[in-house]
Amino acid sequence: MRHSLALPGLLAALAGPCGPAHAAPPPTAAAPATDAQRFCQNVAAAAADARFALQTRKLNELQEGIAGRVAALEAKEAEVKALLDAHEEAKKRAEASLVGIYAKMRPDAAAQQISALDDAIAAAVLRGLNARQSSAILNEIPAERAVKLVDTIAGLVPPPPPPPPPAPPPEDGRS
């Protein structure tokens, strides 16, 4: 009986590293067991490529949409700039015309009219007149108002703030 127990131990020792303990490792990925699993494994790469192509197409469409919106905004910006430039030019022409009107008036009549104007407009008119005309008109304006206008002309009084921009139109729900 002794020999029967020693024989398997001796065989295991003799087998050493070549024995079943060090046999080739089993495959890491077991072969698919069903047809459905084999099908899924076969089409996985194609499905990933299709998803990637779809995402790429969607990104390109979004990029084109953004580029279109940017172009539209740039066109609007150019339009608004042109309108602002035209408005500024019209404002300068109107101011020059107004200065011309006050330059032809008698100082006492001009003083009466200028006293009723807004400080910024009155200062712009007086600034546009030559020194002799401005001083004659300021001489006819009440002292407190004349000092205020001179301070505005000299830049000691900051100009009134611009009006707030109009409220943006309500969104129509598009994103």
N, C-alpha and C. Protein backbone atom coordinates (compact mmCIF):
# COMPACT_ATOMS: atom_id res chain seq x y z
N MET A 1 0.80 -1.16 0.00
CA MET A 1 0.00 0.00 0.00
C MET A 1 0.86 1.24 0.00
N ARG A 2 1.96 1.10 0.59
CA ARG A 2 2.87 2.21 0.63
C ARG A 2 3.29 2.64 -0.75
N HIS A 3 3.48 1.67 -1.60
CA HIS A 3 3.92 1.99 -2.96
C HIS A 3 2.81 2.68 -3.74
N SER A 4 1.60 2.35 -3.46
CA SER A 4 0.51 2.94 -4.22
C SER A 4 0.31 4.42 -3.90
N LEU A 5 0.63 4.85 -2.69
CA LEU A 5 0.50 6.27 -2.33
C LEU A 5 1.71 7.07 -2.81
N ALA A 6 2.85 6.46 -2.87
CA ALA A 6 4.05 7.17 -3.27
C ALA A 6 4.12 7.36 -4.76
N LEU A 7 3.52 6.50 -5.50
CA LEU A 7 3.60 6.58 -6.96
C LEU A 7 2.97 7.87 -7.52
N PRO A 8 1.80 8.27 -7.11
CA PRO A 8 1.27 9.53 -7.67
C PRO A 8 2.10 10.73 -7.27
N GLY A 9 2.64 10.77 -6.07
CA GLY A 9 3.49 11.90 -5.65
C GLY A 9 4.75 11.96 -6.46
N LEU A 10 5.35 10.77 -6.74
CA LEU A 10 6.55 10.70 -7.54
C LEU A 10 6.28 11.14 -8.96
N LEU A 11 5.18 10.74 -9.50
CA LEU A 11 4.82 11.15 -10.86
C LEU A 11 4.62 12.67 -10.94
N ALA A 12 4.01 13.24 -9.94
CA ALA A 12 3.78 14.69 -9.93
C ALA A 12 5.09 15.44 -9.83
N ALA A 13 6.03 14.92 -9.05
CA ALA A 13 7.33 15.57 -8.91
C ALA A 13 8.12 15.46 -10.19
N LEU A 14 8.04 14.32 -10.86
CA LEU A 14 8.76 14.14 -12.10
C LEU A 14 8.18 15.01 -13.22
N ALA A 15 6.89 15.22 -13.21
CA ALA A 15 6.26 16.02 -14.27
C ALA A 15 6.76 17.45 -14.21
N GLY A 16 6.98 18.00 -13.02
CA GLY A 16 7.56 19.34 -12.83
C GLY A 16 6.86 20.41 -13.64
N PRO A 17 7.68 21.29 -14.23
CA PRO A 17 7.10 22.43 -14.95
C PRO A 17 6.40 22.03 -16.23
N CYS A 18 6.62 20.86 -16.73
CA CYS A 18 5.98 20.45 -17.98
C CYS A 18 4.65 19.78 -17.73
N GLY A 19 4.30 19.65 -16.50
CA GLY A 19 3.08 18.94 -16.16
C GLY A 19 1.84 19.77 -16.42
N PRO A 20 0.70 19.23 -16.04
CA PRO A 20 -0.56 19.90 -16.31
C PRO A 20 -0.70 21.23 -15.60
N ALA A 21 0.00 21.49 -14.52
CA ALA A 21 -0.11 22.77 -13.81
C ALA A 21 0.40 23.91 -14.66
N HIS A 22 1.38 23.66 -15.54
CA HIS A 22 1.95 24.71 -16.39
C HIS A 22 1.56 24.52 -17.84
N ALA A 23 0.47 23.96 -18.07
CA ALA A 23 0.02 23.77 -19.45
C ALA A 23 -0.33 25.12 -20.05
N ALA A 24 -0.55 25.17 -21.34
CA ALA A 24 -0.88 26.42 -22.03
C ALA A 24 -2.12 27.02 -21.40
N PRO A 25 -2.14 28.35 -21.21
CA PRO A 25 -3.30 28.97 -20.56
C PRO A 25 -4.52 28.83 -21.46
N PRO A 26 -5.67 28.74 -20.85
CA PRO A 26 -6.88 28.62 -21.66
C PRO A 26 -7.13 29.93 -22.40
N PRO A 27 -7.80 29.90 -23.51
CA PRO A 27 -8.06 31.14 -24.26
C PRO A 27 -8.83 32.12 -23.38
N THR A 28 -8.46 33.41 -23.50
CA THR A 28 -9.05 34.43 -22.63
C THR A 28 -10.50 34.69 -23.00
N ALA A 29 -10.80 34.72 -24.26
CA ALA A 29 -12.17 34.96 -24.67
C ALA A 29 -12.76 33.65 -25.12
N ALA A 30 -13.76 33.25 -24.43
CA ALA A 30 -14.40 31.99 -24.80
C ALA A 30 -15.15 32.18 -26.10
N ALA A 31 -15.15 31.18 -26.89
CA ALA A 31 -15.84 31.25 -28.18
C ALA A 31 -17.33 31.44 -27.91
N PRO A 32 -17.98 32.26 -28.73
CA PRO A 32 -19.41 32.48 -28.51
C PRO A 32 -20.16 31.16 -28.59
N ALA A 33 -21.11 31.07 -27.74
CA ALA A 33 -21.83 29.81 -27.65
C ALA A 33 -23.00 29.75 -28.62
N THR A 34 -23.61 30.89 -28.94
CA THR A 34 -24.80 30.85 -29.78
C THR A 34 -24.57 31.62 -31.07
N ASP A 35 -25.48 31.40 -32.01
CA ASP A 35 -25.40 32.13 -33.28
C ASP A 35 -25.56 33.63 -33.07
N ALA A 36 -26.43 34.01 -32.14
CA ALA A 36 -26.67 35.44 -31.87
C ALA A 36 -25.40 36.10 -31.34
N GLN A 37 -24.69 35.42 -30.47
CA GLN A 37 -23.46 35.99 -29.93
C GLN A 37 -22.41 36.11 -31.03
N ARG A 38 -22.32 35.10 -31.90
CA ARG A 38 -21.35 35.17 -33.00
C ARG A 38 -21.71 36.32 -33.94
N PHE A 39 -23.00 36.50 -34.22
CA PHE A 39 -23.44 37.59 -35.10
C PHE A 39 -23.08 38.94 -34.49
N CYS A 40 -23.37 39.11 -33.20
CA CYS A 40 -23.05 40.38 -32.53
C CYS A 40 -21.56 40.66 -32.56
N GLN A 41 -20.76 39.61 -32.36
CA GLN A 41 -19.32 39.79 -32.38
C GLN A 41 -18.84 40.17 -33.78
N ASN A 42 -19.46 39.61 -34.80
CA ASN A 42 -19.05 39.89 -36.17
C ASN A 42 -19.43 41.30 -36.62
N VAL A 43 -20.55 41.84 -36.15
CA VAL A 43 -21.01 43.16 -36.61
C VAL A 43 -20.64 44.29 -35.65
N ALA A 44 -19.96 44.01 -34.56
CA ALA A 44 -19.63 45.04 -33.58
C ALA A 44 -18.78 46.15 -34.19
N ALA A 45 -17.78 45.80 -34.97
CA ALA A 45 -16.90 46.81 -35.57
C ALA A 45 -17.68 47.66 -36.58
N ALA A 46 -18.51 47.02 -37.38
CA ALA A 46 -19.30 47.76 -38.37
C ALA A 46 -20.28 48.70 -37.67
N ALA A 47 -20.88 48.25 -36.58
CA ALA A 47 -21.82 49.09 -35.84
C ALA A 47 -21.10 50.29 -35.22
N ALA A 48 -19.91 50.07 -34.69
CA ALA A 48 -19.13 51.18 -34.13
C ALA A 48 -18.77 52.18 -35.21
N ASP A 49 -18.40 51.69 -36.39
CA ASP A 49 -18.08 52.59 -37.51
C ASP A 49 -19.32 53.39 -37.93
N ALA A 50 -20.46 52.74 -37.95
CA ALA A 50 -21.70 53.43 -38.34
C ALA A 50 -22.06 54.50 -37.32
N ARG A 51 -21.90 54.19 -36.02
CA ARG A 51 -22.16 55.19 -34.97
C ARG A 51 -21.22 56.37 -35.12
N PHE A 52 -19.96 56.09 -35.37
CA PHE A 52 -18.97 57.16 -35.55
C PHE A 52 -19.32 58.03 -36.75
N ALA A 53 -19.72 57.40 -37.86
CA ALA A 53 -20.10 58.15 -39.06
C ALA A 53 -21.33 59.02 -38.80
N LEU A 54 -22.30 58.49 -38.06
CA LEU A 54 -23.50 59.25 -37.73
C LEU A 54 -23.15 60.45 -36.85
N GLN A 55 -22.32 60.23 -35.84
CA GLN A 55 -21.92 61.33 -34.97
C GLN A 55 -21.13 62.37 -35.74
N THR A 56 -20.26 61.93 -36.63
CA THR A 56 -19.49 62.87 -37.45
C THR A 56 -20.41 63.70 -38.33
N ARG A 57 -21.40 63.04 -38.94
CA ARG A 57 -22.34 63.76 -39.80
C ARG A 57 -23.14 64.79 -38.99
N LYS A 58 -23.60 64.40 -37.80
CA LYS A 58 -24.35 65.33 -36.95
C LYS A 58 -23.48 66.51 -36.54
N LEU A 59 -22.23 66.24 -36.17
CA LEU A 59 -21.32 67.33 -35.80
C LEU A 59 -21.09 68.28 -36.96
N ASN A 60 -20.92 67.74 -38.17
CA ASN A 60 -20.74 68.58 -39.35
C ASN A 60 -21.97 69.44 -39.61
N GLU A 61 -23.16 68.85 -39.44
CA GLU A 61 -24.40 69.62 -39.62
C GLU A 61 -24.48 70.75 -38.60
N LEU A 62 -24.15 70.45 -37.35
CA LEU A 62 -24.17 71.48 -36.31
C LEU A 62 -23.15 72.57 -36.60
N GLN A 63 -21.98 72.17 -37.06
CA GLN A 63 -20.94 73.15 -37.39
C GLN A 63 -21.39 74.06 -38.53
N GLU A 64 -22.05 73.49 -39.54
CA GLU A 64 -22.56 74.29 -40.64
C GLU A 64 -23.64 75.25 -40.15
N GLY A 65 -24.49 74.78 -39.25
CA GLY A 65 -25.53 75.64 -38.68
C GLY A 65 -24.94 76.80 -37.90
N ILE A 66 -23.91 76.50 -37.13
CA ILE A 66 -23.24 77.56 -36.35
C ILE A 66 -22.57 78.54 -37.29
N ALA A 67 -21.92 78.04 -38.32
CA ALA A 67 -21.25 78.93 -39.28
C ALA A 67 -22.28 79.83 -39.96
N GLY A 68 -23.45 79.29 -40.27
CA GLY A 68 -24.51 80.10 -40.88
C GLY A 68 -25.00 81.18 -39.93
N ARG A 69 -25.16 80.83 -38.66
CA ARG A 69 -25.60 81.82 -37.67
C ARG A 69 -24.54 82.90 -37.47
N VAL A 70 -23.28 82.50 -37.44
CA VAL A 70 -22.20 83.48 -37.29
C VAL A 70 -22.20 84.44 -38.48
N ALA A 71 -22.38 83.90 -39.68
CA ALA A 71 -22.41 84.76 -40.87
C ALA A 71 -23.60 85.71 -40.81
N ALA A 72 -24.75 85.22 -40.35
CA ALA A 72 -25.93 86.09 -40.23
C ALA A 72 -25.69 87.18 -39.19
N LEU A 73 -25.06 86.82 -38.08
CA LEU A 73 -24.76 87.82 -37.05
C LEU A 73 -23.76 88.86 -37.55
N GLU A 74 -22.77 88.41 -38.31
CA GLU A 74 -21.80 89.36 -38.86
C GLU A 74 -22.47 90.30 -39.85
N ALA A 75 -23.40 89.78 -40.63
CA ALA A 75 -24.14 90.64 -41.57
C ALA A 75 -24.99 91.65 -40.81
N LYS A 76 -25.65 91.21 -39.74
CA LYS A 76 -26.44 92.13 -38.92
C LYS A 76 -25.54 93.18 -38.28
N GLU A 77 -24.37 92.75 -37.81
CA GLU A 77 -23.44 93.69 -37.19
C GLU A 77 -23.02 94.76 -38.19
N ALA A 78 -22.73 94.36 -39.42
CA ALA A 78 -22.35 95.32 -40.45
C ALA A 78 -23.52 96.26 -40.76
N GLU A 79 -24.73 95.71 -40.78
CA GLU A 79 -25.91 96.53 -41.04
C GLU A 79 -26.12 97.56 -39.93
N VAL A 80 -25.98 97.12 -38.68
CA VAL A 80 -26.15 98.03 -37.55
C VAL A 80 -25.06 99.09 -37.55
N LYS A 81 -23.83 98.70 -37.88
CA LYS A 81 -22.73 99.67 -37.94
C LYS A 81 -23.01 100.72 -39.01
N ALA A 82 -23.50 100.27 -40.16
CA ALA A 82 -23.83 101.22 -41.23
C ALA A 82 -24.95 102.16 -40.79
N LEU A 83 -25.94 101.62 -40.10
CA LEU A 83 -27.03 102.47 -39.60
C LEU A 83 -26.52 103.47 -38.57
N LEU A 84 -25.64 103.02 -37.67
CA LEU A 84 -25.08 103.93 -36.67
C LEU A 84 -24.24 105.02 -37.32
N ASP A 85 -23.45 104.64 -38.31
CA ASP A 85 -22.65 105.64 -39.02
C ASP A 85 -23.54 106.65 -39.72
N ALA A 86 -24.61 106.16 -40.36
CA ALA A 86 -25.54 107.07 -41.04
C ALA A 86 -26.24 107.98 -40.03
N HIS A 87 -26.60 107.41 -38.88
CA HIS A 87 -27.24 108.22 -37.83
C HIS A 87 -26.29 109.29 -37.31
N GLU A 88 -25.05 108.89 -37.08
CA GLU A 88 -24.06 109.86 -36.58
C GLU A 88 -23.84 110.97 -37.60
N GLU A 89 -23.77 110.62 -38.87
CA GLU A 89 -23.59 111.62 -39.92
C GLU A 89 -24.79 112.56 -39.97
N ALA A 90 -25.99 112.00 -39.87
CA ALA A 90 -27.20 112.84 -39.87
C ALA A 90 -27.23 113.75 -38.65
N LYS A 91 -26.78 113.22 -37.53
CA LYS A 91 -26.73 114.02 -36.30
C LYS A 91 -25.76 115.19 -36.47
N LYS A 92 -24.61 114.92 -37.08
CA LYS A 92 -23.63 116.00 -37.30
C LYS A 92 -24.19 117.06 -38.24
N ARG A 93 -24.87 116.61 -39.31
CA ARG A 93 -25.47 117.57 -40.25
C ARG A 93 -26.55 118.40 -39.57
N ALA A 94 -27.38 117.74 -38.75
CA ALA A 94 -28.44 118.46 -38.05
C ALA A 94 -27.85 119.46 -37.06
N GLU A 95 -26.79 119.05 -36.38
CA GLU A 95 -26.13 119.96 -35.43
C GLU A 95 -25.54 121.15 -36.16
N ALA A 96 -24.90 120.90 -37.30
CA ALA A 96 -24.32 122.00 -38.08
C ALA A 96 -25.42 122.94 -38.58
N SER A 97 -26.53 122.37 -38.99
CA SER A 97 -27.66 123.18 -39.44
C SER A 97 -28.21 124.01 -38.29
N LEU A 98 -28.34 123.38 -37.13
CA LEU A 98 -28.84 124.08 -35.94
C LEU A 98 -27.89 125.19 -35.54
N VAL A 99 -26.60 124.93 -35.59
CA VAL A 99 -25.61 125.96 -35.27
C VAL A 99 -25.75 127.12 -36.25
N GLY A 100 -25.95 126.80 -37.52
CA GLY A 100 -26.13 127.85 -38.53
C GLY A 100 -27.34 128.72 -38.25
N ILE A 101 -28.41 128.09 -37.80
CA ILE A 101 -29.63 128.85 -37.47
C ILE A 101 -29.36 129.79 -36.30
N TYR A 102 -28.74 129.27 -35.23
CA TYR A 102 -28.48 130.12 -34.06
C TYR A 102 -27.44 131.20 -34.37
N ALA A 103 -26.54 130.92 -35.29
CA ALA A 103 -25.52 131.93 -35.65
C ALA A 103 -26.17 133.14 -36.31
N LYS A 104 -27.28 132.95 -36.98
CA LYS A 104 -27.94 134.05 -37.68
C LYS A 104 -28.94 134.80 -36.80
N MET A 105 -29.22 134.27 -35.61
CA MET A 105 -30.18 134.91 -34.71
C MET A 105 -29.52 136.02 -33.91
N ARG A 106 -30.35 136.94 -33.41
CA ARG A 106 -29.85 137.96 -32.49
C ARG A 106 -29.47 137.26 -31.18
N PRO A 107 -28.47 137.73 -30.46
CA PRO A 107 -28.04 137.07 -29.22
C PRO A 107 -29.15 136.92 -28.18
N ASP A 108 -30.01 137.93 -28.02
CA ASP A 108 -31.05 137.82 -27.00
C ASP A 108 -32.09 136.76 -27.38
N ALA A 109 -32.45 136.66 -28.65
CA ALA A 109 -33.40 135.64 -29.10
C ALA A 109 -32.77 134.24 -29.02
N ALA A 110 -31.51 134.14 -29.42
CA ALA A 110 -30.81 132.85 -29.35
C ALA A 110 -30.67 132.40 -27.91
N ALA A 111 -30.38 133.35 -27.00
CA ALA A 111 -30.23 133.01 -25.59
C ALA A 111 -31.54 132.46 -25.03
N GLN A 112 -32.65 133.07 -25.42
CA GLN A 112 -33.95 132.60 -24.94
C GLN A 112 -34.21 131.17 -25.43
N GLN A 113 -33.90 130.90 -26.68
CA GLN A 113 -34.12 129.56 -27.24
C GLN A 113 -33.15 128.53 -26.62
N ILE A 114 -31.90 128.91 -26.50
CA ILE A 114 -30.88 127.98 -25.97
C ILE A 114 -31.16 127.66 -24.50
N SER A 115 -31.70 128.63 -23.77
CA SER A 115 -32.02 128.38 -22.35
C SER A 115 -33.04 127.26 -22.20
N ALA A 116 -33.89 127.09 -23.20
CA ALA A 116 -34.94 126.07 -23.13
C ALA A 116 -34.44 124.69 -23.59
N LEU A 117 -33.26 124.64 -24.18
CA LEU A 117 -32.74 123.37 -24.70
C LEU A 117 -32.13 122.51 -23.59
N ASP A 118 -32.00 121.24 -23.87
CA ASP A 118 -31.28 120.30 -23.01
C ASP A 118 -29.82 120.75 -22.91
N ASP A 119 -29.18 120.50 -21.76
CA ASP A 119 -27.79 120.95 -21.55
C ASP A 119 -26.85 120.46 -22.64
N ALA A 120 -26.94 119.20 -23.00
CA ALA A 120 -26.01 118.64 -23.99
C ALA A 120 -26.21 119.29 -25.35
N ILE A 121 -27.46 119.50 -25.75
CA ILE A 121 -27.73 120.12 -27.05
C ILE A 121 -27.30 121.58 -27.03
N ALA A 122 -27.65 122.29 -25.95
CA ALA A 122 -27.26 123.70 -25.84
C ALA A 122 -25.75 123.85 -25.87
N ALA A 123 -25.04 122.98 -25.16
CA ALA A 123 -23.57 123.04 -25.15
C ALA A 123 -23.02 122.75 -26.54
N ALA A 124 -23.60 121.80 -27.25
CA ALA A 124 -23.14 121.48 -28.61
C ALA A 124 -23.34 122.66 -29.54
N VAL A 125 -24.47 123.35 -29.41
CA VAL A 125 -24.73 124.53 -30.26
C VAL A 125 -23.73 125.63 -29.93
N LEU A 126 -23.54 125.91 -28.66
CA LEU A 126 -22.60 126.98 -28.27
C LEU A 126 -21.18 126.63 -28.68
N ARG A 127 -20.82 125.35 -28.61
CA ARG A 127 -19.49 124.92 -29.02
C ARG A 127 -19.29 125.11 -30.53
N GLY A 128 -20.37 124.98 -31.28
CA GLY A 128 -20.28 125.13 -32.73
C GLY A 128 -20.20 126.57 -33.20
N LEU A 129 -20.65 127.48 -32.38
CA LEU A 129 -20.59 128.90 -32.74
C LEU A 129 -19.19 129.44 -32.52
N ASN A 130 -18.89 130.56 -33.18
CA ASN A 130 -17.58 131.17 -32.92
C ASN A 130 -17.61 131.83 -31.54
N ALA A 131 -16.47 132.17 -31.01
CA ALA A 131 -16.35 132.67 -29.64
C ALA A 131 -17.16 133.95 -29.43
N ARG A 132 -17.17 134.83 -30.40
CA ARG A 132 -17.90 136.09 -30.25
C ARG A 132 -19.40 135.83 -30.12
N GLN A 133 -19.94 134.96 -30.97
CA GLN A 133 -21.37 134.66 -30.91
C GLN A 133 -21.73 133.93 -29.62
N SER A 134 -20.91 132.96 -29.22
CA SER A 134 -21.17 132.22 -27.99
C SER A 134 -21.17 133.14 -26.78
N SER A 135 -20.19 134.03 -26.71
CA SER A 135 -20.11 134.93 -25.55
C SER A 135 -21.29 135.89 -25.52
N ALA A 136 -21.73 136.37 -26.68
CA ALA A 136 -22.89 137.28 -26.71
C ALA A 136 -24.15 136.56 -26.25
N ILE A 137 -24.30 135.30 -26.65
CA ILE A 137 -25.48 134.53 -26.23
C ILE A 137 -25.40 134.20 -24.75
N LEU A 138 -24.24 133.75 -24.28
CA LEU A 138 -24.07 133.43 -22.86
C LEU A 138 -24.30 134.66 -21.99
N ASN A 139 -23.99 135.85 -22.50
CA ASN A 139 -24.21 137.09 -21.76
C ASN A 139 -25.70 137.33 -21.54
N GLU A 140 -26.53 136.83 -22.43
CA GLU A 140 -27.98 137.04 -22.33
C GLU A 140 -28.69 135.94 -21.52
N ILE A 141 -28.00 134.84 -21.26
CA ILE A 141 -28.59 133.72 -20.52
C ILE A 141 -28.43 133.99 -19.03
N PRO A 142 -29.42 133.60 -18.19
CA PRO A 142 -29.26 133.77 -16.74
C PRO A 142 -27.96 133.11 -16.25
N ALA A 143 -27.35 133.72 -15.24
CA ALA A 143 -26.01 133.33 -14.78
C ALA A 143 -25.92 131.85 -14.40
N GLU A 144 -26.89 131.34 -13.64
CA GLU A 144 -26.82 129.93 -13.21
C GLU A 144 -26.82 128.99 -14.41
N ARG A 145 -27.69 129.27 -15.36
CA ARG A 145 -27.77 128.43 -16.56
C ARG A 145 -26.51 128.56 -17.39
N ALA A 146 -25.97 129.78 -17.50
CA ALA A 146 -24.75 130.00 -18.28
C ALA A 146 -23.58 129.23 -17.68
N VAL A 147 -23.46 129.25 -16.35
CA VAL A 147 -22.38 128.51 -15.68
C VAL A 147 -22.52 127.02 -15.96
N LYS A 148 -23.74 126.53 -15.87
CA LYS A 148 -23.97 125.10 -16.12
C LYS A 148 -23.59 124.73 -17.56
N LEU A 149 -23.95 125.59 -18.51
CA LEU A 149 -23.62 125.32 -19.91
C LEU A 149 -22.11 125.38 -20.15
N VAL A 150 -21.45 126.34 -19.54
CA VAL A 150 -19.99 126.45 -19.69
C VAL A 150 -19.31 125.22 -19.09
N ASP A 151 -19.79 124.77 -17.94
CA ASP A 151 -19.22 123.54 -17.34
C ASP A 151 -19.42 122.34 -18.26
N THR A 152 -20.57 122.27 -18.89
CA THR A 152 -20.84 121.17 -19.82
C THR A 152 -19.91 121.27 -21.03
N ILE A 153 -19.75 122.48 -21.55
CA ILE A 153 -18.85 122.68 -22.70
C ILE A 153 -17.42 122.31 -22.33
N ALA A 154 -17.00 122.69 -21.14
CA ALA A 154 -15.63 122.42 -20.70
C ALA A 154 -15.42 120.95 -20.34
N GLY A 155 -16.49 120.19 -20.25
CA GLY A 155 -16.36 118.77 -19.93
C GLY A 155 -16.35 118.49 -18.46
N LEU A 156 -16.69 119.48 -17.63
CA LEU A 156 -16.72 119.27 -16.19
C LEU A 156 -17.96 118.48 -15.76
N VAL A 157 -18.99 118.56 -16.56
CA VAL A 157 -20.21 117.81 -16.29
C VAL A 157 -20.24 116.64 -17.27
N PRO A 158 -20.29 115.44 -16.76
CA PRO A 158 -20.30 114.30 -17.68
C PRO A 158 -21.58 114.31 -18.52
N PRO A 159 -21.47 113.84 -19.73
CA PRO A 159 -22.67 113.78 -20.56
C PRO A 159 -23.66 112.78 -19.97
N PRO A 160 -24.92 112.95 -20.27
CA PRO A 160 -25.89 112.00 -19.73
C PRO A 160 -25.63 110.61 -20.30
N PRO A 161 -25.95 109.58 -19.51
CA PRO A 161 -25.71 108.22 -20.01
C PRO A 161 -26.61 107.93 -21.20
N PRO A 162 -26.14 107.06 -22.09
CA PRO A 162 -26.97 106.72 -23.24
C PRO A 162 -28.20 105.95 -22.77
N PRO A 163 -29.25 105.99 -23.54
CA PRO A 163 -30.45 105.24 -23.14
C PRO A 163 -30.16 103.75 -23.15
N PRO A 164 -30.86 103.00 -22.31
CA PRO A 164 -30.61 101.55 -22.28
C PRO A 164 -31.01 100.93 -23.61
N PRO A 165 -30.34 99.83 -23.97
CA PRO A 165 -30.69 99.16 -25.23
C PRO A 165 -32.09 98.57 -25.13
N PRO A 166 -32.74 98.42 -26.26
CA PRO A 166 -34.08 97.82 -26.21
C PRO A 166 -34.01 96.38 -25.76
N ALA A 167 -35.09 95.93 -25.17
CA ALA A 167 -35.14 94.55 -24.69
C ALA A 167 -35.08 93.60 -25.88
N PRO A 168 -34.38 92.47 -25.73
CA PRO A 168 -34.30 91.51 -26.84
C PRO A 168 -35.68 90.91 -27.09
N PRO A 169 -35.94 90.52 -28.34
CA PRO A 169 -37.24 89.91 -28.64
C PRO A 169 -37.35 88.57 -27.93
N PRO A 170 -38.56 88.17 -27.60
CA PRO A 170 -38.71 86.87 -26.91
C PRO A 170 -38.30 85.74 -27.84
N GLU A 171 -37.73 84.72 -27.24
CA GLU A 171 -37.29 83.57 -28.02
C GLU A 171 -38.51 82.77 -28.45
N ASP A 172 -38.41 82.17 -29.62
CA ASP A 172 -39.55 81.41 -30.14
C ASP A 172 -39.45 79.91 -29.83
N GLY A 173 -38.58 79.55 -28.90
CA GLY A 173 -38.49 78.17 -28.46
C GLY A 173 -37.47 77.34 -29.19
N ARG A 174 -36.83 77.89 -30.22
CA ARG A 174 -35.81 77.11 -30.93
C ARG A 174 -34.51 77.18 -30.16
N SER A 175 -33.75 76.10 -30.24
CA SER A 175 -32.46 76.07 -29.56
C SER A 175 -31.35 76.06 -30.54
